[in-house]
Amino acid sequence: MIPHRGVNDVDEGGMALNIQDLLLTIPGLLIALMTHELAHGYMAYSLGDPTAKASGRLSLNPLVHLDPVGTLMLILFRFGWAKPVPINPMYFRDRRRGMMLTSLAGPASNFLGALVSSYILLQFGTGGSVFTVMVYYLMMYNIWLGLFNLLPIPPLDGSHILKSLAPYGSGLWHFAHQLDQYGWLILMVLLVFRVIPRLLMPLANAIQGLLFALVSLVVI
């Protein structure tokens, strides 16, 4: 899932993108979503689960990862989601470890994509050309998608990571599983009242600055 917000595009009045800006964001959005879902699928496949491959989801075609309702929500309400990659933890030798690694793979791939994007920006300049603007949006969406999905709220990846880390039968384990029935409601409330953008904005800006600092060490 990804909120349709940019690292520097969120303010108290909402996001004001014109048609040209919107068109420039589409490639970055599609690539970030595709990378995220592919990472889930390939990690599960490497751990013995063939479900994603059998479902045709190990594909570089971003269209197979789009959810019709999630895409409509993205257009109408500025947040949405991709079609979740089908995972069957029964194939994992260690189910808790398998689910944790599979869940981590999505956000990790986005942060890696953001690192590569920041390298391209610093290597080829940060001017206002169409190319650099598109790469900037790619970096921006990767950062937001990675952070957003680490929130421990169902059905986001962070909730699966929390379940995997919580000791079986503990209070935290029961709490994490009880959240499942309220996850969507919690997300809707937090998004409507703009809690999530305000929460993630400082983290997103910090990560962006850190990426540029790291890349600047190797860019000639």
N, C-alpha and C. Protein backbone atom coordinates (compact mmCIF):
# COMPACT_ATOMS: atom_id res chain seq x y z
N MET A 1 0.85 -1.18 0.00
CA MET A 1 0.00 0.00 0.00
C MET A 1 0.88 1.23 0.00
N ILE A 2 0.41 2.30 -0.65
CA ILE A 2 1.20 3.53 -0.70
C ILE A 2 0.29 4.74 -0.60
N PRO A 3 0.62 5.68 0.30
CA PRO A 3 -0.12 6.93 0.34
C PRO A 3 0.36 7.80 -0.80
N HIS A 4 -0.54 8.47 -1.51
CA HIS A 4 -0.14 9.28 -2.65
C HIS A 4 0.35 10.63 -2.15
N ARG A 5 1.53 10.59 -1.50
CA ARG A 5 2.12 11.77 -0.92
C ARG A 5 3.59 11.78 -1.28
N GLY A 6 4.15 12.96 -1.42
CA GLY A 6 5.55 13.06 -1.72
C GLY A 6 6.34 13.55 -0.52
N VAL A 7 7.64 13.34 -0.54
CA VAL A 7 8.48 13.75 0.56
C VAL A 7 8.36 15.24 0.80
N ASN A 8 8.27 16.02 -0.25
CA ASN A 8 8.16 17.46 -0.09
C ASN A 8 6.83 18.00 -0.62
N ASP A 9 5.86 17.12 -0.82
CA ASP A 9 4.60 17.55 -1.40
C ASP A 9 3.45 17.57 -0.41
N VAL A 10 3.72 17.29 0.86
CA VAL A 10 2.64 17.25 1.83
C VAL A 10 2.67 18.52 2.66
N ASP A 11 1.55 19.22 2.70
CA ASP A 11 1.41 20.36 3.59
C ASP A 11 0.02 20.35 4.18
N GLU A 12 -0.29 21.35 4.97
CA GLU A 12 -1.57 21.35 5.65
C GLU A 12 -2.73 21.49 4.67
N GLY A 13 -2.46 22.00 3.50
CA GLY A 13 -3.53 22.20 2.53
C GLY A 13 -3.69 21.06 1.56
N GLY A 14 -2.87 20.00 1.71
CA GLY A 14 -2.98 18.88 0.79
C GLY A 14 -1.97 19.02 -0.33
N MET A 15 -2.01 18.11 -1.30
CA MET A 15 -1.04 18.09 -2.38
C MET A 15 -1.66 18.66 -3.64
N ALA A 16 -0.98 19.59 -4.25
CA ALA A 16 -1.50 20.24 -5.45
C ALA A 16 -0.59 19.90 -6.62
N LEU A 17 -0.89 18.83 -7.29
CA LEU A 17 -0.13 18.43 -8.47
C LEU A 17 -0.93 18.77 -9.72
N ASN A 18 -0.28 19.41 -10.70
CA ASN A 18 -0.98 19.64 -11.94
C ASN A 18 -0.84 18.39 -12.82
N ILE A 19 -1.47 18.43 -13.97
CA ILE A 19 -1.50 17.26 -14.84
C ILE A 19 -0.09 16.85 -15.24
N GLN A 20 0.75 17.83 -15.58
CA GLN A 20 2.12 17.51 -15.99
C GLN A 20 2.88 16.82 -14.86
N ASP A 21 2.76 17.35 -13.64
CA ASP A 21 3.43 16.72 -12.50
C ASP A 21 2.90 15.31 -12.27
N LEU A 22 1.57 15.15 -12.42
CA LEU A 22 0.97 13.85 -12.21
C LEU A 22 1.52 12.82 -13.19
N LEU A 23 1.67 13.23 -14.45
CA LEU A 23 2.22 12.32 -15.47
C LEU A 23 3.66 11.94 -15.14
N LEU A 24 4.41 12.87 -14.56
CA LEU A 24 5.80 12.59 -14.22
C LEU A 24 5.91 11.64 -13.04
N THR A 25 4.87 11.58 -12.21
CA THR A 25 4.92 10.69 -11.05
C THR A 25 4.57 9.25 -11.40
N ILE A 26 3.83 9.04 -12.48
CA ILE A 26 3.31 7.71 -12.78
C ILE A 26 4.40 6.66 -12.94
N PRO A 27 5.47 6.92 -13.73
CA PRO A 27 6.52 5.89 -13.84
C PRO A 27 7.14 5.51 -12.49
N GLY A 28 7.44 6.51 -11.67
CA GLY A 28 8.02 6.22 -10.36
C GLY A 28 7.09 5.43 -9.48
N LEU A 29 5.81 5.78 -9.52
CA LEU A 29 4.81 5.06 -8.73
C LEU A 29 4.71 3.61 -9.15
N LEU A 30 4.63 3.39 -10.47
CA LEU A 30 4.49 2.02 -10.98
C LEU A 30 5.72 1.19 -10.67
N ILE A 31 6.91 1.77 -10.84
CA ILE A 31 8.14 1.03 -10.57
C ILE A 31 8.26 0.71 -9.08
N ALA A 32 7.92 1.66 -8.22
CA ALA A 32 8.01 1.42 -6.78
C ALA A 32 7.05 0.32 -6.35
N LEU A 33 5.83 0.36 -6.87
CA LEU A 33 4.84 -0.68 -6.53
C LEU A 33 5.29 -2.04 -7.05
N MET A 34 5.76 -2.08 -8.30
CA MET A 34 6.20 -3.34 -8.91
C MET A 34 7.38 -3.92 -8.13
N THR A 35 8.36 -3.07 -7.79
CA THR A 35 9.52 -3.53 -7.05
C THR A 35 9.11 -4.13 -5.71
N HIS A 36 8.20 -3.46 -5.04
CA HIS A 36 7.73 -3.90 -3.72
C HIS A 36 7.09 -5.28 -3.79
N GLU A 37 6.16 -5.45 -4.72
CA GLU A 37 5.44 -6.72 -4.82
C GLU A 37 6.34 -7.84 -5.35
N LEU A 38 7.21 -7.51 -6.30
CA LEU A 38 8.15 -8.51 -6.81
C LEU A 38 9.06 -9.03 -5.70
N ALA A 39 9.51 -8.12 -4.85
CA ALA A 39 10.40 -8.52 -3.76
C ALA A 39 9.71 -9.51 -2.83
N HIS A 40 8.44 -9.25 -2.52
CA HIS A 40 7.68 -10.20 -1.70
C HIS A 40 7.64 -11.57 -2.38
N GLY A 41 7.28 -11.56 -3.66
CA GLY A 41 7.12 -12.81 -4.40
C GLY A 41 8.41 -13.60 -4.52
N TYR A 42 9.51 -12.91 -4.85
CA TYR A 42 10.78 -13.60 -5.03
C TYR A 42 11.33 -14.12 -3.71
N MET A 43 11.13 -13.37 -2.64
CA MET A 43 11.60 -13.85 -1.34
C MET A 43 10.83 -15.11 -0.95
N ALA A 44 9.51 -15.08 -1.11
CA ALA A 44 8.71 -16.26 -0.79
C ALA A 44 9.13 -17.44 -1.66
N TYR A 45 9.38 -17.18 -2.94
CA TYR A 45 9.77 -18.23 -3.87
C TYR A 45 11.12 -18.83 -3.47
N SER A 46 12.05 -17.97 -3.03
CA SER A 46 13.37 -18.45 -2.62
C SER A 46 13.29 -19.29 -1.35
N LEU A 47 12.22 -19.09 -0.58
CA LEU A 47 12.03 -19.85 0.66
C LEU A 47 11.15 -21.08 0.45
N GLY A 48 10.82 -21.37 -0.82
CA GLY A 48 10.10 -22.59 -1.12
C GLY A 48 8.63 -22.44 -1.47
N ASP A 49 8.11 -21.22 -1.50
CA ASP A 49 6.69 -21.01 -1.80
C ASP A 49 6.52 -20.65 -3.27
N PRO A 50 5.91 -21.53 -4.09
CA PRO A 50 5.76 -21.27 -5.52
C PRO A 50 4.47 -20.53 -5.86
N THR A 51 3.71 -20.09 -4.87
CA THR A 51 2.39 -19.52 -5.10
C THR A 51 2.43 -18.29 -6.00
N ALA A 52 3.33 -17.36 -5.71
CA ALA A 52 3.42 -16.14 -6.51
C ALA A 52 3.80 -16.45 -7.96
N LYS A 53 4.74 -17.36 -8.13
CA LYS A 53 5.16 -17.74 -9.49
C LYS A 53 4.02 -18.39 -10.25
N ALA A 54 3.28 -19.30 -9.58
CA ALA A 54 2.17 -19.99 -10.21
C ALA A 54 1.04 -19.02 -10.56
N SER A 55 0.96 -17.91 -9.83
CA SER A 55 -0.09 -16.92 -10.07
C SER A 55 0.33 -15.88 -11.09
N GLY A 56 1.53 -16.00 -11.64
CA GLY A 56 2.00 -15.05 -12.64
C GLY A 56 2.41 -13.71 -12.07
N ARG A 57 2.72 -13.67 -10.76
CA ARG A 57 3.05 -12.40 -10.13
C ARG A 57 4.54 -12.09 -10.10
N LEU A 58 5.38 -13.01 -10.54
CA LEU A 58 6.80 -12.71 -10.64
C LEU A 58 7.05 -12.09 -12.01
N SER A 59 6.44 -10.96 -12.23
CA SER A 59 6.44 -10.32 -13.55
C SER A 59 6.93 -8.88 -13.42
N LEU A 60 7.64 -8.41 -14.45
CA LEU A 60 8.09 -7.02 -14.51
C LEU A 60 7.01 -6.10 -15.07
N ASN A 61 5.87 -6.66 -15.43
CA ASN A 61 4.76 -5.86 -15.93
C ASN A 61 4.02 -5.25 -14.74
N PRO A 62 4.10 -3.93 -14.55
CA PRO A 62 3.46 -3.34 -13.37
C PRO A 62 1.95 -3.49 -13.37
N LEU A 63 1.35 -3.70 -14.53
CA LEU A 63 -0.10 -3.79 -14.62
C LEU A 63 -0.64 -5.00 -13.88
N VAL A 64 0.15 -6.10 -13.81
CA VAL A 64 -0.35 -7.29 -13.13
C VAL A 64 -0.35 -7.10 -11.62
N HIS A 65 0.31 -6.03 -11.15
CA HIS A 65 0.37 -5.78 -9.71
C HIS A 65 -0.64 -4.72 -9.25
N LEU A 66 -1.36 -4.11 -10.21
CA LEU A 66 -2.30 -3.06 -9.85
C LEU A 66 -3.63 -3.66 -9.41
N ASP A 67 -4.17 -3.12 -8.35
CA ASP A 67 -5.50 -3.49 -7.88
C ASP A 67 -6.49 -2.44 -8.37
N PRO A 68 -7.58 -2.83 -9.05
CA PRO A 68 -8.53 -1.84 -9.60
C PRO A 68 -9.06 -0.88 -8.55
N VAL A 69 -9.49 -1.41 -7.41
CA VAL A 69 -10.04 -0.55 -6.36
C VAL A 69 -8.94 0.32 -5.76
N GLY A 70 -7.76 -0.28 -5.52
CA GLY A 70 -6.65 0.47 -4.96
C GLY A 70 -6.21 1.60 -5.87
N THR A 71 -6.21 1.34 -7.18
CA THR A 71 -5.83 2.36 -8.15
C THR A 71 -6.87 3.49 -8.17
N LEU A 72 -8.16 3.13 -8.12
CA LEU A 72 -9.22 4.13 -8.09
C LEU A 72 -9.12 4.98 -6.82
N MET A 73 -8.83 4.34 -5.69
CA MET A 73 -8.66 5.07 -4.44
C MET A 73 -7.47 6.03 -4.53
N LEU A 74 -6.43 5.58 -5.22
CA LEU A 74 -5.24 6.41 -5.39
C LEU A 74 -5.58 7.68 -6.15
N ILE A 75 -6.43 7.54 -7.18
CA ILE A 75 -6.81 8.69 -8.00
C ILE A 75 -7.77 9.62 -7.25
N LEU A 76 -8.75 9.02 -6.57
CA LEU A 76 -9.81 9.81 -5.93
C LEU A 76 -9.41 10.37 -4.58
N PHE A 77 -8.70 9.57 -3.78
CA PHE A 77 -8.45 9.95 -2.39
C PHE A 77 -6.96 10.12 -2.05
N ARG A 78 -6.09 9.99 -3.10
CA ARG A 78 -4.67 10.24 -2.93
C ARG A 78 -3.95 9.19 -2.09
N PHE A 79 -4.53 8.03 -1.90
CA PHE A 79 -3.79 6.90 -1.35
C PHE A 79 -4.42 5.64 -1.91
N GLY A 80 -3.64 4.59 -1.97
CA GLY A 80 -4.16 3.35 -2.55
C GLY A 80 -3.22 2.21 -2.28
N TRP A 81 -3.43 1.12 -3.00
CA TRP A 81 -2.62 -0.07 -2.75
C TRP A 81 -2.49 -0.90 -4.02
N ALA A 82 -1.48 -1.73 -4.04
CA ALA A 82 -1.29 -2.68 -5.13
C ALA A 82 -1.97 -3.99 -4.77
N LYS A 83 -2.05 -4.87 -5.71
CA LYS A 83 -2.64 -6.19 -5.47
C LYS A 83 -1.63 -7.03 -4.68
N PRO A 84 -1.98 -7.48 -3.48
CA PRO A 84 -1.02 -8.25 -2.69
C PRO A 84 -0.57 -9.52 -3.40
N VAL A 85 0.71 -9.81 -3.31
CA VAL A 85 1.23 -11.05 -3.88
C VAL A 85 0.76 -12.21 -3.01
N PRO A 86 0.17 -13.25 -3.61
CA PRO A 86 -0.29 -14.40 -2.81
C PRO A 86 0.87 -15.16 -2.20
N ILE A 87 0.80 -15.37 -0.91
CA ILE A 87 1.84 -16.09 -0.17
C ILE A 87 1.18 -17.22 0.62
N ASN A 88 1.80 -18.39 0.59
CA ASN A 88 1.31 -19.52 1.38
C ASN A 88 2.41 -19.95 2.36
N PRO A 89 2.31 -19.50 3.62
CA PRO A 89 3.37 -19.81 4.59
C PRO A 89 3.51 -21.30 4.90
N MET A 90 2.55 -22.11 4.47
CA MET A 90 2.66 -23.55 4.70
C MET A 90 3.88 -24.14 4.00
N TYR A 91 4.36 -23.46 2.97
CA TYR A 91 5.54 -23.95 2.23
C TYR A 91 6.85 -23.64 2.96
N PHE A 92 6.81 -22.71 3.91
CA PHE A 92 8.04 -22.30 4.59
C PHE A 92 8.45 -23.35 5.62
N ARG A 93 9.72 -23.64 5.65
CA ARG A 93 10.23 -24.58 6.66
C ARG A 93 10.04 -24.01 8.06
N ASP A 94 10.31 -22.72 8.20
CA ASP A 94 10.06 -22.00 9.45
C ASP A 94 9.08 -20.89 9.11
N ARG A 95 7.82 -21.06 9.48
CA ARG A 95 6.78 -20.14 9.04
C ARG A 95 6.98 -18.72 9.56
N ARG A 96 7.34 -18.60 10.84
CA ARG A 96 7.52 -17.26 11.40
C ARG A 96 8.69 -16.53 10.72
N ARG A 97 9.80 -17.24 10.56
CA ARG A 97 10.95 -16.64 9.89
C ARG A 97 10.62 -16.34 8.43
N GLY A 98 9.92 -17.26 7.76
CA GLY A 98 9.56 -17.07 6.37
C GLY A 98 8.67 -15.86 6.17
N MET A 99 7.68 -15.69 7.03
CA MET A 99 6.78 -14.55 6.91
C MET A 99 7.50 -13.24 7.22
N MET A 100 8.42 -13.26 8.19
CA MET A 100 9.15 -12.05 8.53
C MET A 100 10.04 -11.62 7.36
N LEU A 101 10.78 -12.57 6.78
CA LEU A 101 11.67 -12.24 5.66
C LEU A 101 10.87 -11.80 4.44
N THR A 102 9.77 -12.47 4.17
CA THR A 102 8.94 -12.11 3.03
C THR A 102 8.34 -10.72 3.21
N SER A 103 7.91 -10.41 4.42
CA SER A 103 7.33 -9.10 4.70
C SER A 103 8.38 -7.99 4.63
N LEU A 104 9.58 -8.28 5.13
CA LEU A 104 10.67 -7.29 5.10
C LEU A 104 11.16 -7.01 3.69
N ALA A 105 11.03 -8.00 2.81
CA ALA A 105 11.58 -7.87 1.46
C ALA A 105 10.99 -6.69 0.70
N GLY A 106 9.70 -6.43 0.87
CA GLY A 106 9.06 -5.33 0.14
C GLY A 106 9.64 -3.98 0.52
N PRO A 107 9.56 -3.58 1.80
CA PRO A 107 10.15 -2.30 2.19
C PRO A 107 11.65 -2.22 1.91
N ALA A 108 12.38 -3.32 2.12
CA ALA A 108 13.82 -3.31 1.86
C ALA A 108 14.11 -3.00 0.40
N SER A 109 13.31 -3.57 -0.50
CA SER A 109 13.52 -3.31 -1.93
C SER A 109 13.26 -1.85 -2.27
N ASN A 110 12.31 -1.23 -1.58
CA ASN A 110 12.02 0.17 -1.83
C ASN A 110 13.14 1.08 -1.34
N PHE A 111 13.70 0.77 -0.19
CA PHE A 111 14.82 1.58 0.30
C PHE A 111 16.04 1.42 -0.59
N LEU A 112 16.24 0.21 -1.12
CA LEU A 112 17.33 -0.01 -2.07
C LEU A 112 17.07 0.78 -3.35
N GLY A 113 15.81 0.78 -3.81
CA GLY A 113 15.45 1.56 -5.00
C GLY A 113 15.66 3.04 -4.77
N ALA A 114 15.37 3.52 -3.56
CA ALA A 114 15.58 4.93 -3.24
C ALA A 114 17.07 5.26 -3.24
N LEU A 115 17.90 4.33 -2.75
CA LEU A 115 19.34 4.54 -2.75
C LEU A 115 19.88 4.64 -4.18
N VAL A 116 19.43 3.75 -5.05
CA VAL A 116 19.86 3.78 -6.46
C VAL A 116 19.39 5.07 -7.11
N SER A 117 18.16 5.49 -6.82
CA SER A 117 17.62 6.72 -7.40
C SER A 117 18.43 7.93 -6.95
N SER A 118 18.81 7.98 -5.67
CA SER A 118 19.59 9.11 -5.17
C SER A 118 20.97 9.14 -5.82
N TYR A 119 21.53 7.96 -6.09
CA TYR A 119 22.81 7.90 -6.78
C TYR A 119 22.69 8.48 -8.19
N ILE A 120 21.63 8.11 -8.90
CA ILE A 120 21.41 8.62 -10.25
C ILE A 120 21.25 10.14 -10.22
N LEU A 121 20.51 10.64 -9.24
CA LEU A 121 20.29 12.08 -9.15
C LEU A 121 21.59 12.83 -8.92
N LEU A 122 22.42 12.35 -8.02
CA LEU A 122 23.68 13.04 -7.75
C LEU A 122 24.70 12.85 -8.86
N GLN A 123 24.66 11.70 -9.53
CA GLN A 123 25.62 11.42 -10.59
C GLN A 123 25.32 12.24 -11.84
N PHE A 124 24.03 12.41 -12.14
CA PHE A 124 23.65 13.08 -13.39
C PHE A 124 23.04 14.45 -13.16
N GLY A 125 23.13 14.95 -11.93
CA GLY A 125 22.64 16.29 -11.66
C GLY A 125 21.23 16.28 -11.10
N THR A 126 20.89 17.33 -10.38
CA THR A 126 19.57 17.44 -9.77
C THR A 126 18.77 18.59 -10.37
N GLY A 127 19.02 18.89 -11.63
CA GLY A 127 18.30 19.96 -12.32
C GLY A 127 16.85 19.60 -12.57
N GLY A 128 16.16 20.45 -13.29
CA GLY A 128 14.73 20.27 -13.49
C GLY A 128 14.37 19.57 -14.79
N SER A 129 15.28 18.79 -15.37
CA SER A 129 14.94 18.07 -16.60
C SER A 129 13.89 17.02 -16.30
N VAL A 130 13.21 16.57 -17.35
CA VAL A 130 12.17 15.57 -17.19
C VAL A 130 12.73 14.31 -16.56
N PHE A 131 13.91 13.91 -16.98
CA PHE A 131 14.54 12.70 -16.46
C PHE A 131 14.78 12.80 -14.96
N THR A 132 15.42 13.90 -14.52
CA THR A 132 15.75 14.02 -13.11
C THR A 132 14.50 14.17 -12.24
N VAL A 133 13.48 14.84 -12.77
CA VAL A 133 12.23 14.96 -12.01
C VAL A 133 11.58 13.59 -11.84
N MET A 134 11.59 12.77 -12.88
CA MET A 134 11.00 11.43 -12.79
C MET A 134 11.79 10.55 -11.81
N VAL A 135 13.12 10.68 -11.85
CA VAL A 135 13.95 9.90 -10.93
C VAL A 135 13.73 10.36 -9.50
N TYR A 136 13.54 11.67 -9.32
CA TYR A 136 13.26 12.18 -7.98
C TYR A 136 11.95 11.60 -7.45
N TYR A 137 10.92 11.58 -8.28
CA TYR A 137 9.65 10.99 -7.85
C TYR A 137 9.81 9.51 -7.55
N LEU A 138 10.64 8.82 -8.32
CA LEU A 138 10.90 7.40 -8.06
C LEU A 138 11.52 7.23 -6.67
N MET A 139 12.51 8.05 -6.36
CA MET A 139 13.13 8.00 -5.04
C MET A 139 12.10 8.31 -3.95
N MET A 140 11.31 9.33 -4.20
CA MET A 140 10.31 9.79 -3.23
C MET A 140 9.28 8.70 -2.92
N TYR A 141 8.74 8.08 -3.97
CA TYR A 141 7.74 7.04 -3.77
C TYR A 141 8.34 5.81 -3.09
N ASN A 142 9.57 5.48 -3.43
CA ASN A 142 10.22 4.35 -2.78
C ASN A 142 10.38 4.59 -1.28
N ILE A 143 10.78 5.80 -0.91
CA ILE A 143 10.94 6.12 0.51
C ILE A 143 9.60 6.01 1.23
N TRP A 144 8.57 6.62 0.66
CA TRP A 144 7.25 6.61 1.31
C TRP A 144 6.65 5.22 1.36
N LEU A 145 6.80 4.47 0.29
CA LEU A 145 6.24 3.12 0.26
C LEU A 145 6.92 2.23 1.29
N GLY A 146 8.25 2.36 1.39
CA GLY A 146 8.98 1.57 2.38
C GLY A 146 8.57 1.91 3.80
N LEU A 147 8.52 3.21 4.11
CA LEU A 147 8.15 3.64 5.46
C LEU A 147 6.71 3.28 5.79
N PHE A 148 5.81 3.56 4.87
CA PHE A 148 4.38 3.34 5.12
C PHE A 148 4.11 1.88 5.44
N ASN A 149 4.73 0.98 4.68
CA ASN A 149 4.46 -0.43 4.87
C ASN A 149 5.13 -1.01 6.11
N LEU A 150 6.03 -0.28 6.74
CA LEU A 150 6.62 -0.75 7.99
C LEU A 150 5.76 -0.43 9.20
N LEU A 151 4.70 0.36 9.01
CA LEU A 151 3.80 0.64 10.13
C LEU A 151 3.15 -0.67 10.58
N PRO A 152 3.11 -0.93 11.89
CA PRO A 152 2.58 -2.22 12.39
C PRO A 152 1.06 -2.25 12.43
N ILE A 153 0.43 -1.89 11.32
CA ILE A 153 -1.03 -1.86 11.23
C ILE A 153 -1.46 -2.80 10.11
N PRO A 154 -2.33 -3.77 10.37
CA PRO A 154 -2.80 -4.66 9.31
C PRO A 154 -3.52 -3.86 8.23
N PRO A 155 -3.37 -4.21 6.95
CA PRO A 155 -2.64 -5.37 6.44
C PRO A 155 -1.21 -5.04 5.99
N LEU A 156 -0.63 -3.97 6.50
CA LEU A 156 0.70 -3.55 6.09
C LEU A 156 1.76 -4.56 6.53
N ASP A 157 2.90 -4.51 5.85
CA ASP A 157 3.97 -5.47 6.13
C ASP A 157 4.42 -5.42 7.58
N GLY A 158 4.40 -4.23 8.17
CA GLY A 158 4.84 -4.09 9.55
C GLY A 158 4.05 -4.95 10.51
N SER A 159 2.77 -5.17 10.20
CA SER A 159 1.95 -6.00 11.09
C SER A 159 2.40 -7.46 11.04
N HIS A 160 2.81 -7.93 9.87
CA HIS A 160 3.30 -9.31 9.75
C HIS A 160 4.66 -9.45 10.42
N ILE A 161 5.48 -8.40 10.32
CA ILE A 161 6.78 -8.43 10.98
C ILE A 161 6.59 -8.48 12.50
N LEU A 162 5.64 -7.67 13.00
CA LEU A 162 5.36 -7.66 14.43
C LEU A 162 4.90 -9.02 14.92
N LYS A 163 4.02 -9.68 14.17
CA LYS A 163 3.54 -11.00 14.54
C LYS A 163 4.69 -12.01 14.57
N SER A 164 5.59 -11.88 13.62
CA SER A 164 6.71 -12.82 13.54
C SER A 164 7.69 -12.64 14.68
N LEU A 165 7.85 -11.40 15.15
CA LEU A 165 8.82 -11.11 16.20
C LEU A 165 8.25 -11.33 17.60
N ALA A 166 6.94 -11.19 17.75
CA ALA A 166 6.31 -11.33 19.06
C ALA A 166 6.38 -12.78 19.53
N PRO A 167 6.81 -13.03 20.77
CA PRO A 167 6.83 -14.41 21.29
C PRO A 167 5.44 -15.04 21.20
N TYR A 168 5.41 -16.28 20.74
CA TYR A 168 4.12 -16.96 20.54
C TYR A 168 3.34 -17.02 21.86
N GLY A 169 2.07 -16.59 21.80
CA GLY A 169 1.20 -16.64 22.97
C GLY A 169 1.34 -15.48 23.93
N SER A 170 2.29 -14.57 23.64
CA SER A 170 2.49 -13.42 24.53
C SER A 170 1.38 -12.40 24.34
N GLY A 171 1.34 -11.42 25.24
CA GLY A 171 0.36 -10.36 25.12
C GLY A 171 0.51 -9.58 23.83
N LEU A 172 1.77 -9.34 23.43
CA LEU A 172 2.03 -8.63 22.18
C LEU A 172 1.55 -9.44 20.99
N TRP A 173 1.75 -10.75 21.05
CA TRP A 173 1.31 -11.64 19.96
C TRP A 173 -0.21 -11.58 19.82
N HIS A 174 -0.92 -11.67 20.93
CA HIS A 174 -2.39 -11.61 20.89
C HIS A 174 -2.86 -10.25 20.41
N PHE A 175 -2.21 -9.19 20.87
CA PHE A 175 -2.58 -7.84 20.45
C PHE A 175 -2.40 -7.67 18.94
N ALA A 176 -1.27 -8.16 18.42
CA ALA A 176 -0.99 -8.04 16.98
C ALA A 176 -2.04 -8.78 16.15
N HIS A 177 -2.49 -9.93 16.63
CA HIS A 177 -3.50 -10.68 15.89
C HIS A 177 -4.88 -10.06 16.03
N GLN A 178 -5.17 -9.46 17.18
CA GLN A 178 -6.47 -8.82 17.36
C GLN A 178 -6.62 -7.58 16.49
N LEU A 179 -5.50 -6.97 16.14
CA LEU A 179 -5.54 -5.79 15.28
C LEU A 179 -6.06 -6.10 13.88
N ASP A 180 -5.99 -7.36 13.46
CA ASP A 180 -6.37 -7.73 12.11
C ASP A 180 -7.77 -7.25 11.75
N GLN A 181 -8.71 -7.36 12.68
CA GLN A 181 -10.10 -7.01 12.37
C GLN A 181 -10.34 -5.50 12.36
N TYR A 182 -9.38 -4.73 12.86
CA TYR A 182 -9.56 -3.28 12.91
C TYR A 182 -8.57 -2.53 12.03
N GLY A 183 -7.69 -3.26 11.36
CA GLY A 183 -6.62 -2.62 10.62
C GLY A 183 -7.07 -1.59 9.61
N TRP A 184 -8.00 -1.98 8.75
CA TRP A 184 -8.46 -1.05 7.71
C TRP A 184 -9.11 0.19 8.31
N LEU A 185 -9.89 0.01 9.37
CA LEU A 185 -10.55 1.15 10.01
C LEU A 185 -9.51 2.10 10.60
N ILE A 186 -8.51 1.53 11.25
CA ILE A 186 -7.45 2.36 11.83
C ILE A 186 -6.71 3.14 10.74
N LEU A 187 -6.39 2.46 9.65
CA LEU A 187 -5.69 3.12 8.55
C LEU A 187 -6.52 4.26 7.97
N MET A 188 -7.81 4.01 7.76
CA MET A 188 -8.68 5.04 7.19
C MET A 188 -8.72 6.27 8.09
N VAL A 189 -8.88 6.05 9.40
CA VAL A 189 -8.95 7.18 10.33
C VAL A 189 -7.64 7.96 10.32
N LEU A 190 -6.51 7.24 10.37
CA LEU A 190 -5.21 7.90 10.40
C LEU A 190 -4.93 8.67 9.12
N LEU A 191 -5.41 8.15 7.99
CA LEU A 191 -5.19 8.84 6.72
C LEU A 191 -6.13 10.03 6.55
N VAL A 192 -7.38 9.87 6.94
CA VAL A 192 -8.35 10.96 6.81
C VAL A 192 -7.92 12.16 7.65
N PHE A 193 -7.41 11.89 8.84
CA PHE A 193 -6.99 12.98 9.73
C PHE A 193 -5.51 13.34 9.55
N ARG A 194 -4.91 12.80 8.50
CA ARG A 194 -3.55 13.16 8.07
C ARG A 194 -2.50 12.90 9.15
N VAL A 195 -2.76 11.90 9.99
CA VAL A 195 -1.80 11.54 11.03
C VAL A 195 -0.57 10.88 10.42
N ILE A 196 -0.81 9.98 9.46
CA ILE A 196 0.30 9.25 8.87
C ILE A 196 1.26 10.16 8.10
N PRO A 197 0.76 11.05 7.21
CA PRO A 197 1.71 11.95 6.55
C PRO A 197 2.52 12.79 7.51
N ARG A 198 1.89 13.28 8.59
CA ARG A 198 2.61 14.10 9.55
C ARG A 198 3.62 13.28 10.34
N LEU A 199 3.29 12.01 10.57
CA LEU A 199 4.19 11.13 11.29
C LEU A 199 5.40 10.74 10.45
N LEU A 200 5.15 10.46 9.18
CA LEU A 200 6.22 9.94 8.32
C LEU A 200 7.05 11.03 7.66
N MET A 201 6.52 12.25 7.58
CA MET A 201 7.26 13.32 6.91
C MET A 201 8.66 13.51 7.45
N PRO A 202 8.86 13.67 8.77
CA PRO A 202 10.23 13.86 9.28
C PRO A 202 11.13 12.67 8.97
N LEU A 203 10.59 11.46 9.07
CA LEU A 203 11.38 10.27 8.78
C LEU A 203 11.77 10.22 7.31
N ALA A 204 10.82 10.56 6.43
CA ALA A 204 11.09 10.53 5.00
C ALA A 204 12.16 11.55 4.63
N ASN A 205 12.05 12.75 5.20
CA ASN A 205 13.07 13.77 4.92
C ASN A 205 14.44 13.35 5.46
N ALA A 206 14.45 12.73 6.63
CA ALA A 206 15.71 12.28 7.22
C ALA A 206 16.35 11.19 6.36
N ILE A 207 15.55 10.27 5.87
CA ILE A 207 16.07 9.19 5.04
C ILE A 207 16.59 9.75 3.72
N GLN A 208 15.85 10.70 3.15
CA GLN A 208 16.31 11.32 1.91
C GLN A 208 17.67 11.98 2.11
N GLY A 209 17.81 12.73 3.20
CA GLY A 209 19.08 13.38 3.49
C GLY A 209 20.20 12.37 3.73
N LEU A 210 19.88 11.28 4.43
CA LEU A 210 20.88 10.25 4.69
C LEU A 210 21.33 9.58 3.40
N LEU A 211 20.38 9.30 2.51
CA LEU A 211 20.74 8.67 1.23
C LEU A 211 21.67 9.56 0.41
N PHE A 212 21.35 10.85 0.34
CA PHE A 212 22.20 11.77 -0.40
C PHE A 212 23.59 11.88 0.24
N ALA A 213 23.63 11.84 1.56
CA ALA A 213 24.92 11.90 2.25
C ALA A 213 25.76 10.67 1.96
N LEU A 214 25.13 9.49 1.97
CA LEU A 214 25.85 8.25 1.69
C LEU A 214 26.33 8.21 0.26
N VAL A 215 25.46 8.59 -0.66
CA VAL A 215 25.83 8.53 -2.09
C VAL A 215 26.91 9.54 -2.41
N SER A 216 26.88 10.68 -1.75
CA SER A 216 27.89 11.72 -2.02
C SER A 216 29.30 11.24 -1.69
N LEU A 217 29.41 10.20 -0.87
CA LEU A 217 30.72 9.66 -0.52
C LEU A 217 31.36 8.89 -1.67
N VAL A 218 30.53 8.43 -2.61
CA VAL A 218 31.06 7.61 -3.70
C VAL A 218 30.91 8.26 -5.06
N VAL A 219 30.07 9.28 -5.17
CA VAL A 219 29.88 9.94 -6.46
C VAL A 219 31.08 10.84 -6.73
N ILE A 220 31.65 10.67 -7.92
CA ILE A 220 32.83 11.47 -8.31
C ILE A 220 32.36 12.78 -8.93
